Protein backbone atom coordinates (compact mmCIF):
# COMPACT_ATOMS: atom_id res chain seq x y z
CA MET A 1 2.28 -1.34 3.45
CA ASP A 2 0.98 -2.86 0.42
CA PRO A 3 3.27 -3.52 -2.67
CA VAL A 4 1.84 -0.51 -4.47
CA THR A 5 2.94 1.94 -1.75
CA HIS A 6 6.30 0.46 -1.67
CA SER A 7 6.71 0.48 -5.49
CA LEU A 8 5.55 4.04 -5.76
CA ALA A 9 8.13 5.06 -3.02
CA GLY A 10 10.91 3.58 -5.11
CA ALA A 11 9.59 4.96 -8.32
CA SER A 12 9.21 8.53 -6.58
CA LEU A 13 12.77 8.70 -5.50
CA SER A 14 13.74 7.87 -9.17
CA ALA A 15 11.67 10.61 -10.36
CA ALA A 16 13.04 13.00 -7.78
CA GLY A 17 16.28 12.95 -9.55
CA LEU A 18 17.86 9.60 -8.87
CA ARG A 19 17.10 8.06 -12.20
CA ARG A 20 20.17 9.78 -13.68
CA ALA A 21 22.55 8.07 -11.20
CA THR A 22 22.92 5.00 -13.60
CA PRO A 23 21.25 2.84 -16.18
CA LEU A 24 18.49 0.76 -14.51
CA ALA A 25 18.10 3.22 -11.63
CA THR A 26 14.29 3.01 -11.51
CA ALA A 27 14.29 -0.82 -11.74
CA THR A 28 16.84 -0.75 -8.74
CA LEU A 29 14.97 1.53 -6.44
CA VAL A 30 11.52 -0.33 -7.04
CA LEU A 31 12.98 -3.83 -6.78
CA GLY A 32 14.76 -2.77 -3.68
CA ALA A 33 11.64 -1.16 -2.24
CA ASN A 34 9.79 -4.67 -2.68
CA ALA A 35 12.69 -6.83 -1.69
CA PRO A 36 11.99 -7.61 1.93
CA ASP A 37 8.69 -9.06 0.94
CA VAL A 38 10.28 -11.97 -0.35
CA ASP A 39 9.12 -13.62 2.79
CA ILE A 40 5.79 -14.06 1.18
CA LEU A 41 7.25 -17.33 0.08
CA SER A 42 6.57 -18.61 3.45
CA GLN A 43 2.95 -18.89 2.36
CA LEU A 44 4.11 -22.41 0.82
CA TRP A 45 4.08 -23.74 4.20
CA GLY A 46 0.82 -22.53 5.30
CA PRO A 47 -1.09 -19.23 6.26
CA TRP A 48 -0.18 -19.48 10.04
CA THR A 49 3.58 -20.36 9.38
CA ALA A 50 3.50 -17.46 6.98
CA LEU A 51 2.23 -15.04 9.55
CA ALA A 52 5.12 -16.29 11.93
CA TRP A 53 7.56 -15.44 9.34
CA ARG A 54 6.33 -12.06 8.14
CA ARG A 55 7.94 -9.00 9.02
CA GLY A 56 10.78 -10.97 10.46
CA LEU A 57 14.23 -12.23 9.02
CA THR A 58 14.02 -10.31 5.75
CA HIS A 59 12.59 -7.04 7.33
CA GLY A 60 15.00 -6.55 10.37
CA ILE A 61 18.34 -4.44 10.54
CA PRO A 62 20.52 -7.49 9.56
CA ALA A 63 18.55 -8.14 6.45
CA LEU A 64 18.56 -4.51 5.38
CA LEU A 65 22.35 -4.82 5.36
CA LEU A 66 22.33 -7.94 3.13
CA LEU A 67 19.35 -7.41 0.82
CA PRO A 68 21.04 -4.44 -0.96
CA LEU A 69 23.94 -6.69 -1.93
CA LEU A 70 21.34 -9.44 -3.45
CA VAL A 71 19.39 -6.72 -5.36
CA THR A 72 22.61 -5.29 -6.79
CA GLY A 73 23.55 -8.79 -7.88
CA VAL A 74 20.40 -9.28 -9.62
CA ILE A 75 20.46 -5.82 -11.51
CA LEU A 76 24.04 -6.33 -12.56
CA ALA A 77 23.18 -9.82 -13.87
CA TRP A 78 20.14 -8.48 -15.72
CA ASP A 79 22.33 -5.67 -17.14
CA ARG A 80 25.11 -7.97 -18.28
CA TRP A 81 23.26 -11.03 -19.59
CA VAL A 82 19.69 -9.69 -20.75
CA ARG A 83 19.71 -5.93 -21.23
CA ARG A 84 23.26 -5.44 -22.93
CA ALA A 85 23.49 -8.85 -24.58
CA GLU A 86 19.88 -8.33 -26.25
CA TRP A 87 21.10 -5.02 -27.62
CA ARG A 88 24.25 -6.43 -28.96
CA LYS A 89 22.43 -8.95 -30.93
CA GLY A 90 20.46 -6.17 -32.86
CA ARG A 91 21.52 -4.07 -35.68
CA SER A 92 21.05 -0.44 -36.58
CA LEU A 93 17.86 -0.16 -38.75
CA ALA A 94 19.64 2.77 -40.76
CA THR A 95 22.96 0.98 -41.71
CA GLY A 96 22.44 -2.49 -40.76
CA GLU A 97 25.76 -2.35 -38.64
CA PRO A 98 25.86 -3.70 -35.11
CA ARG A 99 24.57 -1.04 -32.73
CA ASP A 100 26.92 0.90 -30.35
CA PRO A 101 27.13 -0.79 -26.93
CA LEU A 102 24.67 0.43 -24.18
CA PRO A 103 26.35 2.12 -21.15
CA PRO A 104 26.73 -0.45 -18.37
CA ALA A 105 24.98 -0.05 -15.07
CA ARG A 106 27.58 1.27 -12.52
CA PRO A 107 27.96 -1.10 -9.65
CA ALA A 108 28.58 1.41 -6.98
CA SER A 109 25.59 3.45 -8.00
CA VAL A 110 23.37 0.54 -8.27
CA LEU A 111 24.48 -0.53 -4.64
CA GLY A 112 23.81 2.82 -3.29
CA LEU A 113 20.15 2.86 -4.81
CA ALA A 114 19.37 -0.76 -3.80
CA ALA A 115 20.35 0.28 -0.19
CA LEU A 116 18.09 3.44 -0.48
CA GLY A 117 15.24 1.15 -1.91
CA VAL A 118 15.42 -1.59 0.56
CA TRP A 119 15.65 0.85 3.58
CA THR A 120 12.35 2.70 2.55
CA HIS A 121 10.49 -0.84 3.14
CA SER A 122 10.65 -1.54 6.90
CA PRO A 123 9.89 1.81 8.05
CA LEU A 124 6.93 2.10 5.88
CA ASP A 125 5.78 -1.40 7.18
CA TRP A 126 6.24 -0.29 10.78
CA ILE A 127 4.07 2.77 10.55
CA ASN A 128 0.92 0.46 10.57
CA ASN A 129 -0.44 -1.91 13.22
CA TYR A 130 0.59 -5.20 11.65
CA GLY A 131 3.98 -5.05 13.51
CA MET A 132 7.68 -5.23 12.73
CA ARG A 133 10.73 -7.08 14.21
CA TRP A 134 13.71 -5.12 13.72
CA PHE A 135 16.44 -7.18 15.36
CA LEU A 136 15.75 -10.65 14.27
CA PRO A 137 17.45 -13.23 14.44
CA PHE A 138 18.64 -11.82 17.65
CA ASN A 139 15.57 -10.47 19.17
CA GLY A 140 12.07 -11.39 18.25
CA ARG A 141 10.50 -8.49 19.97
CA TRP A 142 7.79 -6.73 18.00
CA SER A 143 7.29 -3.02 17.47
CA TYR A 144 4.19 -1.31 16.25
CA GLY A 145 3.63 2.33 14.60
CA ASP A 146 0.03 2.34 14.74
CA ALA A 147 -0.10 5.53 12.69
CA VAL A 148 -1.07 4.77 9.00
CA PHE A 149 -3.59 2.08 7.68
CA ILE A 150 -2.02 -0.71 5.72
CA LEU A 151 -3.82 0.67 2.67
CA ASP A 152 -3.49 4.17 2.74
CA PRO A 153 -5.11 6.49 -0.29
CA TRP A 154 -3.23 9.61 0.87
CA LEU A 155 0.14 8.09 0.10
CA TRP A 156 -0.95 6.54 -3.07
CA LEU A 157 -2.12 10.03 -4.04
CA LEU A 158 1.01 11.80 -3.15
CA LEU A 159 3.63 9.27 -4.24
CA GLY A 160 1.33 7.97 -7.33
CA GLY A 161 0.63 11.23 -8.53
CA ALA A 162 4.16 12.35 -8.97
CA VAL A 163 5.16 9.13 -10.76
CA PHE A 164 2.18 9.50 -12.96
CA VAL A 165 3.19 12.96 -14.22
CA HIS A 166 6.55 11.60 -15.02
CA HIS A 167 5.60 8.37 -16.74
CA SER A 168 2.33 8.86 -18.64
CA HIS A 169 3.78 10.33 -21.89
CA THR A 170 2.68 7.61 -24.18
CA ARG A 171 -0.71 6.12 -24.93
CA TRP A 172 0.11 2.81 -23.30
CA SER A 173 1.57 4.24 -20.17
CA ALA A 174 -1.37 6.75 -19.79
CA ALA A 175 -4.01 3.85 -20.28
CA ALA A 176 -1.88 1.76 -17.63
CA TRP A 177 -2.10 4.67 -15.30
CA GLY A 178 -5.92 5.10 -15.85
CA LEU A 179 -6.44 1.33 -15.03
CA LEU A 180 -4.61 1.78 -11.81
CA ALA A 181 -6.29 5.02 -10.65
CA GLY A 182 -9.55 3.42 -11.74
CA ALA A 183 -9.22 0.25 -9.57
CA MET A 184 -8.03 2.52 -6.42
CA THR A 185 -11.02 4.70 -6.96
CA LEU A 186 -13.48 1.73 -7.11
CA LEU A 187 -11.88 0.50 -3.96
CA ILE A 188 -12.38 3.78 -2.20
CA LEU A 189 -15.88 4.38 -3.45
CA LEU A 190 -17.04 0.85 -2.82
CA ALA A 191 -15.25 -0.13 0.52
CA PRO A 192 -17.63 0.26 3.72
CA GLY A 193 -16.61 2.55 6.29
CA ILE A 194 -14.85 5.31 4.20
CA PRO A 195 -15.97 8.68 5.06
CA THR A 196 -17.79 10.72 2.34
CA LEU A 197 -15.41 13.57 2.88
CA SER A 198 -12.49 11.22 2.09
CA ARG A 199 -14.04 10.09 -1.02
CA VAL A 200 -14.54 13.61 -2.24
CA LEU A 201 -10.94 14.54 -1.45
CA TRP A 202 -9.76 11.48 -3.16
CA LEU A 203 -11.57 12.42 -6.40
CA MET A 204 -10.39 16.19 -6.11
CA GLY A 205 -6.87 14.93 -5.66
CA LEU A 206 -7.04 12.76 -8.80
CA ALA A 207 -8.33 15.73 -10.73
CA GLY A 208 -5.52 17.97 -9.63
CA TRP A 209 -2.76 15.51 -10.75
CA ILE A 210 -4.67 15.21 -14.01
CA VAL A 211 -4.66 19.09 -14.32
CA ILE A 212 -0.91 19.24 -13.42
CA ARG A 213 -0.22 16.42 -16.14
CA LEU A 214 -2.09 18.19 -18.91
CA ARG A 215 -1.02 21.71 -18.21
CA ARG A 216 2.51 21.17 -17.40
CA ALA A 217 3.70 17.75 -18.17
CA PRO A 218 7.28 18.50 -17.31
CA ASP A 219 10.15 16.59 -18.73
CA PRO A 220 11.08 13.94 -16.30
CA ASP A 221 14.86 15.12 -16.40
CA SER A 222 13.99 18.72 -16.08
CA SER A 223 14.27 20.67 -12.84
CA GLY A 224 10.41 21.15 -13.04
CA GLY A 225 9.96 17.45 -13.32
CA ARG A 226 12.13 16.73 -10.26
CA TRP A 227 10.63 19.50 -8.24
CA VAL A 228 7.10 17.89 -8.58
CA ALA A 229 8.50 14.40 -7.31
CA ARG A 230 10.61 16.08 -4.39
CA THR A 231 7.63 18.02 -3.34
CA SER A 232 5.33 14.99 -3.26
CA LEU A 233 8.10 12.95 -1.44
CA ALA A 234 8.28 15.82 1.29
CA LEU A 235 4.62 16.04 1.74
CA ALA A 236 4.15 12.20 2.09
CA ALA A 237 7.14 12.29 4.63
CA LEU A 238 5.51 15.10 6.60
CA TYR A 239 2.09 13.36 6.53
CA ILE A 240 3.79 10.34 8.09
CA LEU A 241 5.68 12.09 10.64
CA VAL A 242 2.36 13.86 11.68
CA MET A 243 0.54 10.58 11.89
CA VAL A 244 3.37 8.96 13.95
CA GLY A 245 3.30 12.06 16.28
CA GLN A 246 -0.68 11.82 16.53
CA ASP A 247 -0.43 8.37 17.80
CA GLY A 248 1.41 9.35 20.73
CA VAL A 249 -1.13 11.99 21.66
CA GLN A 250 -4.11 9.48 21.00
CA GLN A 251 -2.54 6.94 23.57
CA ARG A 252 -2.48 9.66 26.18
CA VAL A 253 -6.13 10.53 25.41
CA VAL A 254 -7.35 6.97 25.69
CA LEU A 255 -5.33 6.28 28.82
CA ALA A 256 -7.07 9.34 30.51
CA ALA A 257 -10.53 8.07 29.27
CA ALA A 258 -9.78 4.59 30.42
CA GLU A 259 -8.96 6.04 34.10
CA ARG A 260 -12.20 7.72 34.04
CA GLU A 261 -14.12 4.49 33.31
CA GLY A 262 -12.08 2.86 36.48
CA LEU A 263 -9.74 0.51 34.18
CA ASP A 264 -6.35 -0.20 35.30
CA VAL A 265 -4.58 -0.35 31.88
CA GLU A 266 -1.36 -2.18 31.23
CA GLU A 267 -1.12 -1.14 27.52
CA VAL A 268 -3.00 0.86 24.80
CA MET A 269 -3.41 0.62 21.09
CA VAL A 270 -5.05 3.04 18.85
CA ALA A 271 -4.79 1.74 15.45
CA PRO A 272 -5.50 3.54 12.17
CA VAL A 273 -8.68 3.04 10.07
CA PRO A 274 -9.07 3.31 6.31
CA ALA A 275 -8.83 6.72 4.65
CA ASN A 276 -9.51 8.69 7.90
CA PRO A 277 -6.81 10.23 9.89
CA PHE A 278 -9.21 11.74 12.35
CA ALA A 279 -10.32 8.21 13.97
CA GLY A 280 -8.86 5.09 15.16
CA GLN A 281 -9.61 1.69 16.51
CA VAL A 282 -9.13 1.59 20.22
CA ILE A 283 -8.01 -1.56 22.53
CA ALA A 284 -7.06 -0.88 26.19
CA VAL A 285 -5.56 -3.89 27.87
CA THR A 286 -6.22 -4.80 31.34
CA SER A 287 -5.07 -7.88 33.43
CA GLY A 288 -7.97 -9.85 32.44
CA ALA A 289 -9.45 -8.18 29.26
CA TYR A 290 -9.09 -6.31 26.16
CA HIS A 291 -11.56 -3.24 26.03
CA PRO A 292 -12.20 -2.38 22.52
CA GLY A 293 -13.60 1.19 21.61
CA GLU A 294 -13.33 3.97 19.07
CA LEU A 295 -11.47 7.28 18.92
CA HIS A 296 -12.54 10.20 16.86
CA TRP A 297 -11.30 13.64 17.18
CA LEU A 298 -14.47 15.21 15.73
CA ARG A 299 -16.84 13.60 18.05
CA ARG A 300 -17.67 13.91 21.62
CA PRO A 301 -16.69 12.26 23.56
CA VAL A 302 -13.65 11.59 21.65
CA VAL A 303 -13.03 8.02 23.06
CA ARG A 304 -15.90 5.51 23.41
CA PHE A 305 -15.43 2.01 24.83
CA HIS A 306 -17.70 -0.86 23.62
CA ALA A 307 -19.90 -2.26 26.30
CA LEU A 308 -18.51 -5.75 26.37
CA PRO A 309 -14.79 -6.41 26.84
CA LEU A 310 -12.98 -9.37 25.38
CA PRO A 311 -11.57 -11.96 27.88
CA ARG A 312 -7.69 -12.39 27.68
CA PRO A 313 -6.76 -16.23 27.36
CA SER A 314 -6.07 -17.74 30.84
CA ASP A 315 -3.09 -20.08 31.51
CA SER A 316 -5.29 -22.12 33.78
CA ASP A 317 -8.05 -22.94 31.02
CA PRO A 318 -7.37 -26.61 30.05
CA ARG A 319 -8.99 -25.98 26.63
CA ILE A 320 -6.26 -23.14 26.02
CA VAL A 321 -3.37 -25.31 27.41
CA ALA A 322 -4.45 -28.14 25.12
CA ALA A 323 -4.74 -25.89 22.09
CA LEU A 324 -1.30 -24.27 22.59
CA GLU A 325 0.37 -27.72 21.83
CA ASP A 326 -0.80 -27.42 18.19
CA ARG A 327 2.00 -26.01 15.80
CA ASP A 328 -0.38 -24.01 13.90
CA VAL A 329 -1.48 -22.11 17.05
CA GLN A 330 2.10 -21.75 18.26
CA ALA A 331 2.91 -20.15 14.69
CA TYR A 332 -0.21 -17.67 15.15
CA LEU A 333 0.81 -16.71 18.44
CA VAL A 334 4.35 -15.52 17.28
CA TRP A 335 2.58 -13.01 15.17
CA SER A 336 -0.67 -12.20 17.36
CA ARG A 337 -0.49 -9.04 19.47
CA PHE A 338 -3.84 -9.41 21.46
CA PRO A 339 -4.68 -13.19 21.31
CA LEU A 340 -8.17 -14.10 21.85
CA PHE A 341 -9.82 -17.62 22.07
CA GLN A 342 -13.42 -18.15 21.22
CA MET A 343 -14.97 -21.31 22.47
CA GLU A 344 -18.02 -23.09 21.26
CA GLU A 345 -19.44 -26.31 22.59
CA GLU A 346 -20.23 -28.93 20.11
CA GLY A 347 -21.45 -32.28 21.67
CA GLU A 348 -18.31 -34.08 23.24
CA VAL A 349 -15.81 -31.34 22.22
CA TRP A 350 -15.01 -27.82 22.34
CA ARG A 351 -14.48 -25.87 19.20
CA VAL A 352 -11.68 -23.56 19.98
CA ARG A 353 -11.03 -20.63 17.50
CA LEU A 354 -7.93 -18.39 17.80
CA LEU A 355 -8.25 -14.76 16.72
CA ASP A 356 -6.39 -11.42 17.31
CA ALA A 357 -8.33 -8.56 18.90
CA ARG A 358 -6.84 -6.17 16.41
CA TYR A 359 -8.94 -7.63 13.82
CA VAL A 360 -12.16 -8.56 15.49
CA GLY A 361 -15.10 -6.90 13.60
CA ARG A 362 -13.29 -6.48 10.45
CA GLY A 363 -15.10 -9.24 8.57
CA ASP A 364 -15.35 -12.73 9.26
CA GLY A 365 -12.14 -14.67 9.09
CA ALA A 366 -10.10 -11.37 8.81
CA LEU A 367 -6.56 -12.55 9.93
CA SER A 368 -8.03 -15.12 12.22
CA GLY A 369 -6.24 -18.21 13.38
CA PRO A 370 -6.61 -21.95 13.38
CA THR A 371 -9.72 -23.58 14.63
CA LEU A 372 -9.25 -26.83 16.85
CA THR A 373 -11.53 -29.39 18.35
CA VAL A 374 -10.45 -30.16 21.99
CA PRO A 375 -12.13 -32.93 24.02
CA LYS A 376 -14.30 -31.85 27.02
CA GLY A 377 -12.31 -31.98 30.24
CA PRO A 378 -8.70 -32.35 28.73
CA GLN A 379 -5.88 -32.33 31.33
CA PRO A 380 -2.88 -29.94 30.96
CA GLY A 381 -0.74 -31.19 28.34
CA GLU A 382 -3.29 -33.38 26.57
CA ALA A 383 -3.03 -32.83 22.83
CA PRO A 384 -6.09 -31.66 20.75
CA HIS A 385 -7.67 -33.68 18.23
């Protein structure tokens, strides 16, 4: 999921009562919830190398055991050499005497919160169709939840609303929340393909949280304040479980539709689409092609396949054999779930563009791979130019 969702997950856990566990509890949970995304540094080696590294070593189970230790070290170092050191340098405004020392962060509590924050990350990443590798470096197999779109407004609303109620008690914090909500609202109102009903529900949800904030404004440390956050977390968890369960049902529906079309299907994907839990993007994989389509529970027929399938790459095509020797192609194929090669003839060469069928039709260049020029008639093993 996006960094906003991960951050809100950590902040919601804090608001649910864990903020009282130790000083710097909220910072620990939010940092832990984002820690596995340290693999963003792989962008320094290029976009396709970054794809090969993403959702890998820093997201798998071995990393989930090590990252809490790293987060704990960072938090305790900050607590000792920045937070408490800066406090000690100051003096009481009333007496001019050195201030009493701040209570230190408790290492055991920090470690527990760091682990909880880190452990929210990979399950949230797994629920979309981007993919996860749970057992790297021992096993590079990808796993896909295919349940929730990577930018999900309903998780923003459930998790963000609870944190907003807790942390909007000053003018600056209220202004910051207003800017965040405004940016999200513009995205939802202006993005193409968002159903009108979803836009209306988003605005109603925002209005509901504002009413709760203005009428109740519970003390963050009160039982009422913790109840708001716990209820939101429970509803977010229930929403995720329902969507994960729905994916299994959708796959069976698509398989039945494919059989009626006479397709001998090897694999099915029903990927979530933005802000619409009643619809999905379909890919049915046969031995020679990807058959894209759409699923929508509120339409008939529920599953519709597009007229033209997309050809799967052939190991016997010399253009593909030549392209496979390129390092960027190899890196992209580590990540690609449904690789697709587009061929365009240009004079004495072929222009070969690598794509993933999951993202075809979602805007030009959306998560597309490298483009190569391959001489006409290359022999297998001949390198592209």
